[in-house]
Amino acid sequence: MSSFLTSDTPFMLGFDSLDRMLNDLSKKKDSFPPYNIEQINEQNLQITLAVAGFKEEDLVIDLEDKQLNVRGQHNEEQEIEHNYIYHGIANRSFQRSFVLADGLEVTGAHLEDGLLQIDLHQREPEKTARTIKITKK
């Protein structure tokens, strides 16, 4: 992948970390758990992850810089031996990450009927302008 954000475009100064982040995201191909992203209205989004079999205490949601991470880890003490004839429901740990745009903030999360819903709100970006004074060295 070419480094189009850093070396080829002189107008995008300081976006090296964004280039690395996009590169890392393009390498991740895991599709578990499945998820939806829904536009609720102009300022609100909702991410819904299908987490059947996970309890609240099995799930961790954290935000690091602009990366929203959702992790699911089953409690090994609660694992019960089963004699499955067919085992089609995934019962594995997972980590799913989402990169949030500037101004997008997590406002809450709830788990109901095997669906984890994470609410996001887009606040208006602060528009600032200033004049830079030219000084002599």
Protein backbone atom coordinates (compact mmCIF):
# COMPACT_ATOMS: atom_id res chain seq x y z
CA MET A 1 0.00 0.00 0.00
CA SER A 2 1.46 3.35 -0.92
CA SER A 3 1.77 6.02 1.70
CA PHE A 4 -0.62 8.42 -0.01
CA LEU A 5 -1.36 10.39 3.13
CA THR A 6 2.17 11.28 4.08
CA SER A 7 4.78 11.36 1.34
CA ASP A 8 2.68 11.82 -1.80
CA THR A 9 0.41 14.59 -0.50
CA PRO A 10 2.19 17.64 0.90
CA PHE A 11 -1.12 19.13 2.09
CA MET A 12 -1.68 16.40 4.71
CA LEU A 13 1.09 17.21 7.18
CA GLY A 14 1.22 15.23 10.41
CA PHE A 15 -1.15 12.45 9.35
CA ASP A 16 1.43 9.65 9.67
CA SER A 17 -0.56 7.99 12.48
CA LEU A 18 -3.71 8.01 10.33
CA ASP A 19 -1.80 6.31 7.53
CA ARG A 20 -0.57 3.61 9.93
CA MET A 21 -4.07 3.17 11.37
CA LEU A 22 -5.63 2.71 7.91
CA ASN A 23 -2.88 0.25 7.03
CA ASP A 24 -3.54 -1.77 10.22
CA LEU A 25 -7.29 -1.77 9.65
CA SER A 26 -6.91 -3.02 6.09
CA LYS A 27 -5.10 -6.12 7.41
CA LYS A 28 -7.89 -7.13 9.82
CA LYS A 29 -10.32 -9.53 8.18
CA ASP A 30 -12.13 -11.05 11.20
CA SER A 31 -15.91 -11.02 10.80
CA PHE A 32 -16.86 -12.05 14.35
CA PRO A 33 -19.01 -10.84 15.89
CA PRO A 34 -21.24 -9.50 13.14
CA TYR A 35 -22.32 -5.88 13.58
CA ASN A 36 -24.50 -3.11 12.15
CA ILE A 37 -23.89 0.64 12.14
CA GLU A 38 -27.12 2.61 12.00
CA GLN A 39 -27.68 6.34 11.43
CA ILE A 40 -30.34 7.21 14.03
CA ASN A 41 -30.56 10.88 13.06
CA GLU A 42 -28.26 13.65 11.89
CA GLN A 43 -26.12 13.64 15.06
CA ASN A 44 -26.52 10.08 16.37
CA LEU A 45 -25.25 6.67 15.33
CA GLN A 46 -25.64 3.26 16.90
CA ILE A 47 -23.32 0.28 16.60
CA THR A 48 -25.04 -3.05 17.25
CA LEU A 49 -22.97 -6.21 17.77
CA ALA A 50 -24.49 -9.70 17.86
CA VAL A 51 -23.01 -11.16 21.05
CA ALA A 52 -25.26 -14.15 21.74
CA GLY A 53 -24.17 -16.06 24.83
CA PHE A 54 -22.18 -13.19 26.35
CA LYS A 55 -23.24 -11.60 29.62
CA GLU A 56 -22.54 -8.02 30.70
CA GLU A 57 -19.63 -9.15 32.85
CA ASP A 58 -18.09 -10.94 29.82
CA LEU A 59 -17.90 -7.71 27.79
CA VAL A 60 -15.51 -4.75 28.03
CA ILE A 61 -15.87 -1.53 26.03
CA ASP A 62 -13.04 0.98 26.13
CA LEU A 63 -11.99 4.02 24.22
CA GLU A 64 -8.30 4.65 23.58
CA ASP A 65 -7.53 7.84 21.69
CA LYS A 66 -10.03 7.59 18.83
CA GLN A 67 -10.28 3.81 18.79
CA LEU A 68 -13.36 2.16 20.31
CA ASN A 69 -12.56 -1.40 21.38
CA VAL A 70 -15.15 -4.03 22.27
CA ARG A 71 -13.89 -7.26 23.83
CA GLY A 72 -15.76 -10.40 24.77
CA GLN A 73 -14.22 -13.04 27.01
CA HIS A 74 -16.21 -15.97 28.41
CA ASN A 75 -15.61 -16.81 32.05
CA GLU A 76 -13.83 -20.19 31.98
CA GLU A 77 -15.35 -21.19 35.34
CA GLN A 78 -18.83 -20.95 33.82
CA GLU A 79 -17.92 -23.16 30.85
CA ILE A 80 -19.91 -26.39 30.97
CA GLU A 81 -19.12 -29.51 28.98
CA HIS A 82 -21.75 -30.12 26.31
CA ASN A 83 -22.32 -33.07 24.02
CA TYR A 84 -23.21 -31.19 20.83
CA ILE A 85 -24.65 -32.99 17.84
CA TYR A 86 -24.08 -29.80 15.86
CA HIS A 87 -22.25 -26.73 17.19
CA GLY A 88 -22.97 -23.68 15.00
CA ILE A 89 -23.08 -20.89 17.59
CA ALA A 90 -19.67 -19.31 18.01
CA ASN A 91 -18.47 -19.41 21.59
CA ARG A 92 -15.10 -17.73 21.21
CA SER A 93 -13.54 -14.62 22.60
CA PHE A 94 -13.34 -11.59 20.35
CA GLN A 95 -12.06 -8.08 19.94
CA ARG A 96 -13.73 -5.66 17.54
CA SER A 97 -12.35 -2.15 16.99
CA PHE A 98 -13.86 0.96 15.44
CA VAL A 99 -12.02 4.20 14.69
CA LEU A 100 -14.10 7.23 15.65
CA ALA A 101 -13.99 10.52 13.78
CA ASP A 102 -13.23 13.79 15.54
CA GLY A 103 -16.23 14.96 17.51
CA LEU A 104 -17.84 11.51 17.68
CA GLU A 105 -18.31 10.48 21.30
CA VAL A 106 -19.71 7.38 23.00
CA THR A 107 -22.79 8.28 25.03
CA GLY A 108 -23.78 4.85 26.33
CA ALA A 109 -24.13 1.12 25.77
CA HIS A 110 -26.67 -1.53 26.67
CA LEU A 111 -27.05 -5.28 26.23
CA GLU A 112 -30.45 -6.77 25.44
CA ASP A 113 -31.51 -10.03 23.80
CA GLY A 114 -27.96 -10.91 22.72
CA LEU A 115 -27.37 -7.53 21.06
CA LEU A 116 -24.84 -5.04 22.40
CA GLN A 117 -25.79 -1.52 21.33
CA ILE A 118 -23.31 1.34 21.59
CA ASP A 119 -24.70 4.85 21.17
CA LEU A 120 -22.59 7.57 19.55
CA HIS A 121 -23.20 11.30 19.24
CA GLN A 122 -21.56 13.65 16.74
CA ARG A 123 -21.04 17.05 18.30
CA GLU A 124 -20.53 20.09 16.16
CA PRO A 125 -16.83 20.63 15.42
CA GLU A 126 -15.34 23.71 16.98
CA LYS A 127 -14.55 26.22 14.30
CA THR A 128 -11.57 28.29 15.29
CA ALA A 129 -9.57 30.77 13.31
CA ARG A 130 -6.57 32.81 14.27
CA THR A 131 -3.95 34.96 12.68
CA ILE A 132 -0.32 33.96 13.04
CA LYS A 133 1.99 36.85 13.76
CA ILE A 134 5.22 36.92 11.76
CA THR A 135 8.25 37.59 13.94
CA LYS A 136 11.94 38.05 13.28
CA LYS A 137 14.39 35.38 14.44
